[in-house]
Amino acid sequence: MTWLLLSALWLTAGCSAIDDDLSDCGVDYEIQYELQLVTNMEMELQTQLTTQVETSVAAALREHLKDIFSDFARDIDLSFFEVDGQLGRLSHEQHVMNNNEKSYTLYLPMREYRHLALANLQQNSWVTLTGEEHSNTMMLQQVLNEPVQSHQTGIFAARTNMDVLENQSQTFHVNLYMVNCAAVLLLESRGHDAKDVSVVSTGFATGYNVDDNTYTFSDNPPLVNADRVGVDDPSVLCYCTVTFPSYETPNPSLASSSGEEVYWQFRVYVKNGDNIVETVMNIKEPLKAGELRIIKGYIDSDGAVRPYDSTVGVSVTLNWNGGANYETPL
């Protein structure tokens, strides 16, 4: 766990005169921030990747995900609002961390605040912060360029009320929790070249409401480009996406013709001769914040993907002609 100690000195300039109204004066207080990395990453790597080849893939994934599943705060964004939200944001601070502990000197008048904190935003160009002038509109949003790209950092968020009282020594403790997640597709290539394969994922949230810790979803969920993870063995192909979580219930936008309850998908496009083969892989479990999920399979002689997990539904189109909302780069 990573600790950030924020020691705040509420300055009392202008509050010393005998006749002053002291209701808005400051006091000394302390905020302790703790990044809580609650993740299944190591368990997933150790239980899913067990062969000699797969253990080398696990090492590559640890390197690929080192800025995702990490409790190291590079930067922190601190916003203080009136509790009822009528006055909007009262104070805002941004700091470069690059450390496990750091102290800051701040000033705010004594009152009750709604405090929202975010860590690791500045190096994540595919997620933007919007609506930050009011607590109930403050939101992280996926940048919906085409193609949509994976998140570059593990993002942490917290929310709490802080009642800064007069003439009292106070300590506030704030836990920040991870709000994004990752999915990996590991394929035995069986003679297929990586340049003939592309992978996307879909079914994930496009926004995160910081104040109430909820996610927003599009009726037409975007396709997120899966980054290829470099591994030493050419017989395996590894792809990874980092996104906001899926629905915790079946996604109504991904309803399967077979009646399957689908939470999210991988879609794989393989050039096989003159054809492009599309495999839609229906995942029947939610992917939650802080989680890593690894799906394994192989590419058969027709160019279709066959998962090893029998609970993963598959739909194959051997002569795929493209769709209205996605053009494969093949």
C-alpha atoms as a PDB file:
ATOM      1  CA  MET A   1       0.000   0.000   0.000  1.00  0.00           C
ATOM      2  CA  THR A   2       1.150   3.541  -0.730  1.00  0.00           C
ATOM      3  CA  TRP A   3       0.688   6.338   1.757  1.00  0.00           C
ATOM      4  CA  LEU A   4       0.371  10.003   0.869  1.00  0.00           C
ATOM      5  CA  LEU A   5       0.502  12.256   3.891  1.00  0.00           C
ATOM      6  CA  LEU A   6      -1.097  15.628   3.274  1.00  0.00           C
ATOM      7  CA  SER A   7      -0.375  17.969   6.183  1.00  0.00           C
ATOM      8  CA  ALA A   8      -2.498  21.087   5.753  1.00  0.00           C
ATOM      9  CA  LEU A   9      -1.971  24.365   7.571  1.00  0.00           C
ATOM     10  CA  TRP A  10      -5.119  26.469   7.515  1.00  0.00           C
ATOM     11  CA  LEU A  11      -3.662  29.971   7.602  1.00  0.00           C
ATOM     12  CA  THR A  12      -5.159  32.454  10.064  1.00  0.00           C
ATOM     13  CA  ALA A  13      -4.162  35.719   8.414  1.00  0.00           C
ATOM     14  CA  GLY A  14      -6.792  38.361   9.019  1.00  0.00           C
ATOM     15  CA  CYS A  15      -8.352  36.389  11.897  1.00  0.00           C
ATOM     16  CA  SER A  16      -6.356  37.799  14.812  1.00  0.00           C
ATOM     17  CA  ALA A  17      -8.202  41.024  15.566  1.00  0.00           C
ATOM     18  CA  ILE A  18     -10.387  40.980  18.660  1.00  0.00           C
ATOM     19  CA  ASP A  19     -13.536  42.037  16.800  1.00  0.00           C
ATOM     20  CA  ASP A  20     -13.037  39.650  13.846  1.00  0.00           C
ATOM     21  CA  ASP A  21     -15.696  37.075  13.027  1.00  0.00           C
ATOM     22  CA  LEU A  22     -13.695  33.852  13.417  1.00  0.00           C
ATOM     23  CA  SER A  23     -16.233  31.567  11.707  1.00  0.00           C
ATOM     24  CA  ASP A  24     -14.252  31.500   8.453  1.00  0.00           C
ATOM     25  CA  CYS A  25     -10.774  31.253   9.973  1.00  0.00           C
ATOM     26  CA  GLY A  26      -8.611  28.199   9.522  1.00  0.00           C
ATOM     27  CA  VAL A  27      -7.162  25.543  11.771  1.00  0.00           C
ATOM     28  CA  ASP A  28      -4.284  23.102  11.539  1.00  0.00           C
ATOM     29  CA  TYR A  29      -5.363  19.713  10.226  1.00  0.00           C
ATOM     30  CA  GLU A  30      -4.002  16.641   8.506  1.00  0.00           C
ATOM     31  CA  ILE A  31      -5.273  14.473   5.650  1.00  0.00           C
ATOM     32  CA  GLN A  32      -3.821  11.014   5.109  1.00  0.00           C
ATOM     33  CA  TYR A  33      -4.375   9.496   1.662  1.00  0.00           C
ATOM     34  CA  GLU A  34      -3.970   5.765   1.141  1.00  0.00           C
ATOM     35  CA  LEU A  35      -4.132   4.092  -2.261  1.00  0.00           C
ATOM     36  CA  GLN A  36      -5.906   0.784  -1.771  1.00  0.00           C
ATOM     37  CA  LEU A  37      -4.908  -1.576  -4.581  1.00  0.00           C
ATOM     38  CA  VAL A  38      -7.476  -4.360  -4.352  1.00  0.00           C
ATOM     39  CA  THR A  39      -6.789  -6.632  -7.326  1.00  0.00           C
ATOM     40  CA  ASN A  40      -6.746 -10.256  -8.419  1.00  0.00           C
ATOM     41  CA  MET A  41      -3.887  -9.688 -10.884  1.00  0.00           C
ATOM     42  CA  GLU A  42      -1.284 -11.981  -9.325  1.00  0.00           C
ATOM     43  CA  MET A  43      -3.803 -14.736  -8.645  1.00  0.00           C
ATOM     44  CA  GLU A  44      -5.071 -14.565 -12.232  1.00  0.00           C
ATOM     45  CA  LEU A  45      -1.547 -14.696 -13.649  1.00  0.00           C
ATOM     46  CA  GLN A  46      -0.520 -17.586 -11.420  1.00  0.00           C
ATOM     47  CA  THR A  47      -3.629 -19.701 -11.963  1.00  0.00           C
ATOM     48  CA  GLN A  48      -4.176 -19.061 -15.680  1.00  0.00           C
ATOM     49  CA  LEU A  49      -0.572 -19.028 -16.927  1.00  0.00           C
ATOM     50  CA  THR A  50       1.129 -22.220 -15.744  1.00  0.00           C
ATOM     51  CA  THR A  51       3.127 -23.757 -18.636  1.00  0.00           C
ATOM     52  CA  GLN A  52       6.701 -22.772 -19.428  1.00  0.00           C
ATOM     53  CA  VAL A  53       5.583 -20.641 -22.367  1.00  0.00           C
ATOM     54  CA  GLU A  54       2.767 -19.084 -20.343  1.00  0.00           C
ATOM     55  CA  THR A  55       5.041 -18.098 -17.464  1.00  0.00           C
ATOM     56  CA  SER A  56       7.083 -16.022 -19.901  1.00  0.00           C
ATOM     57  CA  VAL A  57       3.804 -14.420 -21.024  1.00  0.00           C
ATOM     58  CA  ALA A  58       3.033 -13.652 -17.366  1.00  0.00           C
ATOM     59  CA  ALA A  59       6.336 -11.783 -17.076  1.00  0.00           C
ATOM     60  CA  ALA A  60       5.506  -9.770 -20.206  1.00  0.00           C
ATOM     61  CA  LEU A  61       2.059  -8.930 -18.815  1.00  0.00           C
ATOM     62  CA  ARG A  62       3.493  -7.759 -15.503  1.00  0.00           C
ATOM     63  CA  GLU A  63       5.700  -5.375 -17.456  1.00  0.00           C
ATOM     64  CA  HIS A  64       2.842  -4.269 -19.716  1.00  0.00           C
ATOM     65  CA  LEU A  65       0.534  -3.613 -16.756  1.00  0.00           C
ATOM     66  CA  LYS A  66       3.082  -2.106 -14.371  1.00  0.00           C
ATOM     67  CA  ASP A  67       1.456   1.348 -14.602  1.00  0.00           C
ATOM     68  CA  ILE A  68      -2.058  -0.095 -14.293  1.00  0.00           C
ATOM     69  CA  PHE A  69      -2.067  -2.396 -11.265  1.00  0.00           C
ATOM     70  CA  SER A  70       0.164  -0.201  -9.137  1.00  0.00           C
ATOM     71  CA  ASP A  71      -0.500   1.743  -5.953  1.00  0.00           C
ATOM     72  CA  PHE A  72       2.144   4.332  -6.832  1.00  0.00           C
ATOM     73  CA  ALA A  73       0.634   7.814  -7.259  1.00  0.00           C
ATOM     74  CA  ARG A  74       2.375   9.892  -9.911  1.00  0.00           C
ATOM     75  CA  ASP A  75      -0.040  12.808  -9.565  1.00  0.00           C
ATOM     76  CA  ILE A  76      -3.023  13.744  -7.458  1.00  0.00           C
ATOM     77  CA  ASP A  77      -5.982  16.044  -8.112  1.00  0.00           C
ATOM     78  CA  LEU A  78      -7.828  17.460  -5.079  1.00  0.00           C
ATOM     79  CA  SER A  79     -11.188  19.241  -5.253  1.00  0.00           C
ATOM     80  CA  PHE A  80     -13.169  20.727  -2.365  1.00  0.00           C
ATOM     81  CA  PHE A  81     -16.855  21.561  -2.767  1.00  0.00           C
ATOM     82  CA  GLU A  82     -19.664  22.866  -0.603  1.00  0.00           C
ATOM     83  CA  VAL A  83     -21.529  19.820   0.689  1.00  0.00           C
ATOM     84  CA  ASP A  84     -24.880  20.711  -0.903  1.00  0.00           C
ATOM     85  CA  GLY A  85     -23.181  21.565  -4.196  1.00  0.00           C
ATOM     86  CA  GLN A  86     -24.818  24.980  -4.609  1.00  0.00           C
ATOM     87  CA  LEU A  87     -21.595  27.010  -4.643  1.00  0.00           C
ATOM     88  CA  GLY A  88     -19.634  24.670  -6.858  1.00  0.00           C
ATOM     89  CA  ARG A  89     -15.941  24.001  -6.366  1.00  0.00           C
ATOM     90  CA  LEU A  90     -14.385  26.093  -3.595  1.00  0.00           C
ATOM     91  CA  SER A  91     -10.762  25.031  -3.996  1.00  0.00           C
ATOM     92  CA  HIS A  92      -8.684  22.925  -6.380  1.00  0.00           C
ATOM     93  CA  GLU A  93      -5.095  21.671  -6.157  1.00  0.00           C
ATOM     94  CA  GLN A  94      -2.998  19.509  -8.491  1.00  0.00           C
ATOM     95  CA  HIS A  95       0.360  18.068  -7.461  1.00  0.00           C
ATOM     96  CA  VAL A  96       3.029  15.878  -9.022  1.00  0.00           C
ATOM     97  CA  MET A  97       3.699  13.010  -6.620  1.00  0.00           C
ATOM     98  CA  ASN A  98       6.265  10.571  -8.052  1.00  0.00           C
ATOM     99  CA  ASN A  99       6.738   9.359  -4.544  1.00  0.00           C
ATOM    100  CA  ASN A 100       5.074   7.303  -1.845  1.00  0.00           C
ATOM    101  CA  GLU A 101       4.738  10.170   0.650  1.00  0.00           C
ATOM    102  CA  LYS A 102       4.537  13.889   0.296  1.00  0.00           C
ATOM    103  CA  SER A 103       3.361  16.907   2.297  1.00  0.00           C
ATOM    104  CA  TYR A 104       1.512  19.998   1.117  1.00  0.00           C
ATOM    105  CA  THR A 105       0.475  23.245   2.778  1.00  0.00           C
ATOM    106  CA  LEU A 106      -3.078  24.305   1.938  1.00  0.00           C
ATOM    107  CA  TYR A 107      -5.605  26.868   3.061  1.00  0.00           C
ATOM    108  CA  LEU A 108      -9.405  26.776   3.185  1.00  0.00           C
ATOM    109  CA  PRO A 109     -11.854  28.478   5.555  1.00  0.00           C
ATOM    110  CA  MET A 110     -13.508  26.369   8.238  1.00  0.00           C
ATOM    111  CA  ARG A 111     -16.704  24.722   6.998  1.00  0.00           C
ATOM    112  CA  GLU A 112     -17.986  21.315   5.873  1.00  0.00           C
ATOM    113  CA  TYR A 113     -16.654  20.189   2.487  1.00  0.00           C
ATOM    114  CA  ARG A 114     -17.357  17.479  -0.031  1.00  0.00           C
ATOM    115  CA  HIS A 115     -13.879  16.347  -1.010  1.00  0.00           C
ATOM    116  CA  LEU A 116     -13.144  14.419  -4.231  1.00  0.00           C
ATOM    117  CA  ALA A 117      -9.668  13.090  -4.979  1.00  0.00           C
ATOM    118  CA  LEU A 118      -8.216  11.458  -8.106  1.00  0.00           C
ATOM    119  CA  ALA A 119      -4.792   9.935  -8.702  1.00  0.00           C
ATOM    120  CA  ASN A 120      -2.834   9.111 -11.884  1.00  0.00           C
ATOM    121  CA  LEU A 121      -4.744  11.210 -14.409  1.00  0.00           C
ATOM    122  CA  GLN A 122      -2.009  13.308 -15.979  1.00  0.00           C
ATOM    123  CA  GLN A 123      -0.291  10.475 -17.870  1.00  0.00           C
ATOM    124  CA  ASN A 124      -3.577   9.025 -19.156  1.00  0.00           C
ATOM    125  CA  SER A 125      -4.368  10.791 -22.414  1.00  0.00           C
ATOM    126  CA  TRP A 126      -7.363   8.548 -23.187  1.00  0.00           C
ATOM    127  CA  VAL A 127      -9.399   9.583 -20.145  1.00  0.00           C
ATOM    128  CA  THR A 128     -10.559  13.160 -19.536  1.00  0.00           C
ATOM    129  CA  LEU A 129     -12.006  14.908 -16.473  1.00  0.00           C
ATOM    130  CA  THR A 130     -15.200  16.894 -17.123  1.00  0.00           C
ATOM    131  CA  GLY A 131     -17.823  18.734 -15.061  1.00  0.00           C
ATOM    132  CA  GLU A 132     -15.339  19.450 -12.304  1.00  0.00           C
ATOM    133  CA  GLU A 133     -16.928  22.744 -11.229  1.00  0.00           C
ATOM    134  CA  HIS A 134     -19.620  20.836  -9.294  1.00  0.00           C
ATOM    135  CA  SER A 135     -19.261  17.644  -7.297  1.00  0.00           C
ATOM    136  CA  ASN A 136     -22.371  15.986  -8.742  1.00  0.00           C
ATOM    137  CA  THR A 137     -21.216  16.543 -12.350  1.00  0.00           C
ATOM    138  CA  MET A 138     -17.541  15.646 -11.935  1.00  0.00           C
ATOM    139  CA  MET A 139     -16.869  12.722 -14.283  1.00  0.00           C
ATOM    140  CA  LEU A 140     -14.055  10.757 -15.873  1.00  0.00           C
ATOM    141  CA  GLN A 141     -14.820  10.074 -19.532  1.00  0.00           C
ATOM    142  CA  GLN A 142     -13.288   7.705 -22.057  1.00  0.00           C
ATOM    143  CA  VAL A 143     -11.936   9.585 -25.075  1.00  0.00           C
ATOM    144  CA  LEU A 144     -14.010   8.183 -27.940  1.00  0.00           C
ATOM    145  CA  ASN A 145     -11.572   8.642 -30.805  1.00  0.00           C
ATOM    146  CA  GLU A 146     -11.644   5.945 -33.480  1.00  0.00           C
ATOM    147  CA  PRO A 147     -10.290   3.520 -32.675  1.00  0.00           C
ATOM    148  CA  VAL A 148     -10.820   3.910 -28.930  1.00  0.00           C
ATOM    149  CA  GLN A 149      -7.579   3.256 -27.049  1.00  0.00           C
ATOM    150  CA  SER A 150      -6.807   1.530 -23.757  1.00  0.00           C
ATOM    151  CA  HIS A 151      -6.175   3.475 -20.568  1.00  0.00           C
ATOM    152  CA  GLN A 152      -2.512   4.144 -19.864  1.00  0.00           C
ATOM    153  CA  THR A 153      -2.592   4.262 -16.059  1.00  0.00           C
ATOM    154  CA  GLY A 154      -4.450   2.740 -13.165  1.00  0.00           C
ATOM    155  CA  ILE A 155      -6.800   5.489 -11.958  1.00  0.00           C
ATOM    156  CA  PHE A 156      -7.765   5.828  -8.285  1.00  0.00           C
ATOM    157  CA  ALA A 157     -10.623   7.860  -6.803  1.00  0.00           C
ATOM    158  CA  ALA A 158     -12.049   8.806  -3.422  1.00  0.00           C
ATOM    159  CA  ARG A 159     -14.861  10.861  -1.977  1.00  0.00           C
ATOM    160  CA  THR A 160     -15.556  11.981   1.581  1.00  0.00           C
ATOM    161  CA  ASN A 161     -17.151  14.738   3.640  1.00  0.00           C
ATOM    162  CA  MET A 162     -14.768  16.858   5.731  1.00  0.00           C
ATOM    163  CA  ASP A 163     -16.101  19.043   8.533  1.00  0.00           C
ATOM    164  CA  VAL A 164     -13.283  21.434   9.381  1.00  0.00           C
ATOM    165  CA  LEU A 165     -14.090  22.698  12.877  1.00  0.00           C
ATOM    166  CA  GLU A 166     -12.933  25.735  14.808  1.00  0.00           C
ATOM    167  CA  ASN A 167     -10.171  25.334  17.394  1.00  0.00           C
ATOM    168  CA  GLN A 168      -9.913  21.551  17.018  1.00  0.00           C
ATOM    169  CA  SER A 169      -6.994  19.406  15.949  1.00  0.00           C
ATOM    170  CA  GLN A 170      -8.318  17.062  13.243  1.00  0.00           C
ATOM    171  CA  THR A 171      -7.016  14.216  11.127  1.00  0.00           C
ATOM    172  CA  PHE A 172      -8.874  13.009   8.018  1.00  0.00           C
ATOM    173  CA  HIS A 173      -8.170   9.648   6.398  1.00  0.00           C
ATOM    174  CA  VAL A 174      -9.077   9.109   2.740  1.00  0.00           C
ATOM    175  CA  ASN A 175      -8.879   5.757   0.905  1.00  0.00           C
ATOM    176  CA  LEU A 176      -8.553   5.855  -2.889  1.00  0.00           C
ATOM    177  CA  TYR A 177      -9.689   2.807  -4.869  1.00  0.00           C
ATOM    178  CA  MET A 178      -8.985   1.732  -8.443  1.00  0.00           C
ATOM    179  CA  VAL A 179     -11.734   2.540 -10.969  1.00  0.00           C
ATOM    180  CA  ASN A 180     -10.482   0.727 -14.120  1.00  0.00           C
ATOM    181  CA  CYS A 181      -9.582  -2.866 -15.042  1.00  0.00           C
ATOM    182  CA  ALA A 182      -7.904  -5.004 -17.725  1.00  0.00           C
ATOM    183  CA  ALA A 183      -8.719  -7.937 -20.009  1.00  0.00           C
ATOM    184  CA  VAL A 184      -6.221 -10.186 -21.801  1.00  0.00           C
ATOM    185  CA  LEU A 185      -6.685 -12.533 -24.750  1.00  0.00           C
ATOM    186  CA  LEU A 186      -3.974 -15.177 -25.154  1.00  0.00           C
ATOM    187  CA  LEU A 187      -4.056 -17.230 -28.359  1.00  0.00           C
ATOM    188  CA  GLU A 188      -2.046 -20.092 -29.758  1.00  0.00           C
ATOM    189  CA  SER A 189      -1.303 -18.803 -33.244  1.00  0.00           C
ATOM    190  CA  ARG A 190      -1.048 -22.253 -34.899  1.00  0.00           C
ATOM    191  CA  GLY A 191       0.739 -20.860 -37.926  1.00  0.00           C
ATOM    192  CA  HIS A 192      -1.141 -17.549 -38.198  1.00  0.00           C
ATOM    193  CA  ASP A 193       1.005 -14.431 -38.337  1.00  0.00           C
ATOM    194  CA  ALA A 194       0.414 -11.596 -35.870  1.00  0.00           C
ATOM    195  CA  LYS A 195       0.123  -9.095 -38.744  1.00  0.00           C
ATOM    196  CA  ASP A 196      -2.978 -10.960 -39.879  1.00  0.00           C
ATOM    197  CA  VAL A 197      -4.729 -10.700 -36.500  1.00  0.00           C
ATOM    198  CA  SER A 198      -6.430  -7.761 -34.795  1.00  0.00           C
ATOM    199  CA  VAL A 199      -8.420  -7.725 -31.557  1.00  0.00           C
ATOM    200  CA  VAL A 200     -10.904  -5.334 -29.933  1.00  0.00           C
ATOM    201  CA  SER A 201     -13.008  -5.519 -26.792  1.00  0.00           C
ATOM    202  CA  THR A 202     -16.416  -3.987 -26.105  1.00  0.00           C
ATOM    203  CA  GLY A 203     -19.185  -3.703 -23.536  1.00  0.00           C
ATOM    204  CA  PHE A 204     -17.424  -1.455 -21.036  1.00  0.00           C
ATOM    205  CA  ALA A 205     -18.412   1.801 -19.345  1.00  0.00           C
ATOM    206  CA  THR A 206     -17.527   5.055 -21.053  1.00  0.00           C
ATOM    207  CA  GLY A 207     -17.706   7.263 -17.962  1.00  0.00           C
ATOM    208  CA  TYR A 208     -17.235   7.289 -14.193  1.00  0.00           C
ATOM    209  CA  ASN A 209     -19.143   9.574 -11.803  1.00  0.00           C
ATOM    210  CA  VAL A 210     -16.634  10.478  -9.109  1.00  0.00           C
ATOM    211  CA  ASP A 211     -19.060  11.772  -6.475  1.00  0.00           C
ATOM    212  CA  ASP A 212     -21.256   8.665  -6.239  1.00  0.00           C
ATOM    213  CA  ASN A 213     -18.838   5.994  -7.523  1.00  0.00           C
ATOM    214  CA  THR A 214     -21.047   4.892 -10.441  1.00  0.00           C
ATOM    215  CA  TYR A 215     -20.401   4.228 -14.135  1.00  0.00           C
ATOM    216  CA  THR A 216     -22.181   5.362 -17.288  1.00  0.00           C
ATOM    217  CA  PHE A 217     -22.651   3.244 -20.402  1.00  0.00           C
ATOM    218  CA  SER A 218     -23.366   3.953 -24.056  1.00  0.00           C
ATOM    219  CA  ASP A 219     -26.280   2.305 -25.856  1.00  0.00           C
ATOM    220  CA  ASN A 220     -23.765   1.548 -28.599  1.00  0.00           C
ATOM    221  CA  PRO A 221     -20.654   0.517 -26.635  1.00  0.00           C
ATOM    222  CA  PRO A 222     -17.428   1.542 -28.369  1.00  0.00           C
ATOM    223  CA  LEU A 223     -14.858  -0.941 -29.622  1.00  0.00           C
ATOM    224  CA  VAL A 224     -11.594  -0.628 -27.720  1.00  0.00           C
ATOM    225  CA  ASN A 225      -8.389  -1.427 -29.568  1.00  0.00           C
ATOM    226  CA  ALA A 226      -6.420  -4.235 -27.891  1.00  0.00           C
ATOM    227  CA  ASP A 227      -2.696  -3.596 -27.608  1.00  0.00           C
ATOM    228  CA  ARG A 228      -0.452  -6.466 -28.622  1.00  0.00           C
ATOM    229  CA  VAL A 229       1.824  -7.530 -25.791  1.00  0.00           C
ATOM    230  CA  GLY A 230       5.257  -8.584 -26.996  1.00  0.00           C
ATOM    231  CA  VAL A 231       6.206 -12.138 -25.976  1.00  0.00           C
ATOM    232  CA  ASP A 232       9.289 -14.180 -26.863  1.00  0.00           C
ATOM    233  CA  ASP A 233       7.501 -17.204 -28.315  1.00  0.00           C
ATOM    234  CA  PRO A 234       5.975 -16.584 -31.796  1.00  0.00           C
ATOM    235  CA  SER A 235       3.579 -19.489 -31.268  1.00  0.00           C
ATOM    236  CA  VAL A 236       1.439 -17.367 -28.928  1.00  0.00           C
ATOM    237  CA  LEU A 237      -0.261 -14.023 -29.488  1.00  0.00           C
ATOM    238  CA  CYS A 238      -1.214 -11.828 -26.526  1.00  0.00           C
ATOM    239  CA  TYR A 239      -3.560  -8.817 -26.537  1.00  0.00           C
ATOM    240  CA  CYS A 240      -4.656  -6.523 -23.711  1.00  0.00           C
ATOM    241  CA  THR A 241      -7.218  -3.780 -23.160  1.00  0.00           C
ATOM    242  CA  VAL A 242      -7.493  -1.483 -20.132  1.00  0.00           C
ATOM    243  CA  THR A 243     -10.918   0.078 -19.652  1.00  0.00           C
ATOM    244  CA  PHE A 244     -13.593   1.049 -17.199  1.00  0.00           C
ATOM    245  CA  PRO A 245     -15.542  -1.997 -15.899  1.00  0.00           C
ATOM    246  CA  SER A 246     -18.399  -3.830 -17.577  1.00  0.00           C
ATOM    247  CA  TYR A 247     -21.995  -3.912 -16.395  1.00  0.00           C
ATOM    248  CA  GLU A 248     -22.451  -6.001 -13.267  1.00  0.00           C
ATOM    249  CA  THR A 249     -25.524  -7.457 -14.980  1.00  0.00           C
ATOM    250  CA  PRO A 250     -25.795  -8.669 -18.602  1.00  0.00           C
ATOM    251  CA  ASN A 251     -25.229  -5.833 -21.051  1.00  0.00           C
ATOM    252  CA  PRO A 252     -28.483  -5.109 -22.938  1.00  0.00           C
ATOM    253  CA  SER A 253     -26.503  -3.752 -25.901  1.00  0.00           C
ATOM    254  CA  LEU A 254     -24.730  -7.091 -26.401  1.00  0.00           C
ATOM    255  CA  ALA A 255     -27.734  -9.385 -26.439  1.00  0.00           C
ATOM    256  CA  SER A 256     -26.857 -12.663 -28.171  1.00  0.00           C
ATOM    257  CA  SER A 257     -29.100 -14.260 -30.786  1.00  0.00           C
ATOM    258  CA  SER A 258     -28.691 -17.517 -28.862  1.00  0.00           C
ATOM    259  CA  GLY A 259     -30.109 -15.962 -25.715  1.00  0.00           C
ATOM    260  CA  GLU A 260     -26.754 -15.930 -23.877  1.00  0.00           C
ATOM    261  CA  GLU A 261     -26.294 -13.441 -21.058  1.00  0.00           C
ATOM    262  CA  VAL A 262     -23.340 -11.382 -22.289  1.00  0.00           C
ATOM    263  CA  TYR A 263     -21.428  -8.950 -20.079  1.00  0.00           C
ATOM    264  CA  TRP A 264     -18.593  -7.992 -22.452  1.00  0.00           C
ATOM    265  CA  GLN A 265     -16.833  -9.267 -25.558  1.00  0.00           C
ATOM    266  CA  PHE A 266     -13.582  -9.830 -27.357  1.00  0.00           C
ATOM    267  CA  ARG A 267     -13.844  -9.599 -31.149  1.00  0.00           C
ATOM    268  CA  VAL A 268     -11.018 -11.122 -33.175  1.00  0.00           C
ATOM    269  CA  TYR A 269     -10.360 -10.546 -36.882  1.00  0.00           C
ATOM    270  CA  VAL A 270      -8.063 -12.967 -38.702  1.00  0.00           C
ATOM    271  CA  LYS A 271      -7.012 -12.686 -42.333  1.00  0.00           C
ATOM    272  CA  ASN A 272      -7.261 -16.187 -43.768  1.00  0.00           C
ATOM    273  CA  GLY A 273      -6.411 -16.249 -47.470  1.00  0.00           C
ATOM    274  CA  ASP A 274      -8.677 -13.742 -49.210  1.00  0.00           C
ATOM    275  CA  ASN A 275     -11.176 -13.709 -46.331  1.00  0.00           C
ATOM    276  CA  ILE A 276     -11.360 -11.976 -42.989  1.00  0.00           C
ATOM    277  CA  VAL A 277     -12.784 -14.212 -40.275  1.00  0.00           C
ATOM    278  CA  GLU A 278     -14.583 -12.560 -37.361  1.00  0.00           C
ATOM    279  CA  THR A 279     -14.913 -14.346 -34.020  1.00  0.00           C
ATOM    280  CA  VAL A 280     -17.136 -12.735 -31.394  1.00  0.00           C
ATOM    281  CA  MET A 281     -16.344 -14.091 -27.928  1.00  0.00           C
ATOM    282  CA  ASN A 282     -19.163 -13.563 -25.410  1.00  0.00           C
ATOM    283  CA  ILE A 283     -17.945 -13.350 -21.818  1.00  0.00           C
ATOM    284  CA  LYS A 284     -20.607 -14.316 -19.292  1.00  0.00           C
ATOM    285  CA  GLU A 285     -19.079 -12.792 -16.162  1.00  0.00           C
ATOM    286  CA  PRO A 286     -18.658  -9.108 -15.273  1.00  0.00           C
ATOM    287  CA  LEU A 287     -15.248  -7.464 -15.256  1.00  0.00           C
ATOM    288  CA  LYS A 288     -15.036  -5.238 -12.184  1.00  0.00           C
ATOM    289  CA  ALA A 289     -12.775  -2.387 -11.144  1.00  0.00           C
ATOM    290  CA  GLY A 290      -9.332  -3.604 -10.083  1.00  0.00           C
ATOM    291  CA  GLU A 291      -9.706  -6.945 -11.836  1.00  0.00           C
ATOM    292  CA  LEU A 292      -7.666  -8.708 -14.521  1.00  0.00           C
ATOM    293  CA  ARG A 293      -9.333 -11.396 -16.645  1.00  0.00           C
ATOM    294  CA  ILE A 294      -7.378 -13.707 -18.967  1.00  0.00           C
ATOM    295  CA  ILE A 295      -9.161 -15.577 -21.783  1.00  0.00           C
ATOM    296  CA  LYS A 296      -7.200 -18.307 -23.592  1.00  0.00           C
ATOM    297  CA  GLY A 297      -7.778 -20.103 -26.868  1.00  0.00           C
ATOM    298  CA  TYR A 298      -6.314 -20.956 -30.258  1.00  0.00           C
ATOM    299  CA  ILE A 299      -6.814 -19.977 -33.898  1.00  0.00           C
ATOM    300  CA  ASP A 300      -7.999 -22.933 -35.990  1.00  0.00           C
ATOM    301  CA  SER A 301      -7.203 -23.665 -39.640  1.00  0.00           C
ATOM    302  CA  ASP A 302     -10.218 -21.625 -40.798  1.00  0.00           C
ATOM    303  CA  GLY A 303      -9.038 -18.546 -38.888  1.00  0.00           C
ATOM    304  CA  ALA A 304     -11.686 -18.844 -36.171  1.00  0.00           C
ATOM    305  CA  VAL A 305     -10.834 -18.488 -32.491  1.00  0.00           C
ATOM    306  CA  ARG A 306     -11.684 -21.432 -30.242  1.00  0.00           C
ATOM    307  CA  PRO A 307     -11.624 -20.622 -26.499  1.00  0.00           C
ATOM    308  CA  TYR A 308     -10.539 -23.226 -23.984  1.00  0.00           C
ATOM    309  CA  ASP A 309     -13.133 -21.994 -21.490  1.00  0.00           C
ATOM    310  CA  SER A 310     -16.417 -23.684 -22.382  1.00  0.00           C
ATOM    311  CA  THR A 311     -18.399 -20.895 -20.691  1.00  0.00           C
ATOM    312  CA  VAL A 312     -17.212 -18.392 -23.314  1.00  0.00           C
ATOM    313  CA  GLY A 313     -19.744 -18.200 -26.121  1.00  0.00           C
ATOM    314  CA  VAL A 314     -18.476 -17.956 -29.700  1.00  0.00           C
ATOM    315  CA  SER A 315     -19.984 -16.666 -32.919  1.00  0.00           C
ATOM    316  CA  VAL A 316     -17.911 -17.018 -36.108  1.00  0.00           C
ATOM    317  CA  THR A 317     -18.323 -15.292 -39.471  1.00  0.00           C
ATOM    318  CA  LEU A 318     -15.941 -16.908 -41.977  1.00  0.00           C
ATOM    319  CA  ASN A 319     -16.350 -14.234 -44.655  1.00  0.00           C
ATOM    320  CA  TRP A 320     -16.690 -11.029 -42.694  1.00  0.00           C
ATOM    321  CA  ASN A 321     -17.330  -7.906 -44.746  1.00  0.00           C
ATOM    322  CA  GLY A 322     -16.992  -5.286 -42.067  1.00  0.00           C
ATOM    323  CA  GLY A 323     -19.525  -3.315 -40.068  1.00  0.00           C
ATOM    324  CA  ALA A 324     -20.936   0.156 -39.847  1.00  0.00           C
ATOM    325  CA  ASN A 325     -19.006   1.066 -36.708  1.00  0.00           C
ATOM    326  CA  TYR A 326     -15.700  -0.718 -37.157  1.00  0.00           C
ATOM    327  CA  GLU A 327     -13.138  -1.224 -39.865  1.00  0.00           C
ATOM    328  CA  THR A 328     -10.460  -3.778 -39.069  1.00  0.00           C
ATOM    329  CA  PRO A 329      -6.906  -2.512 -39.737  1.00  0.00           C
ATOM    330  CA  LEU A 330      -6.030  -5.754 -41.539  1.00  0.00           C
END
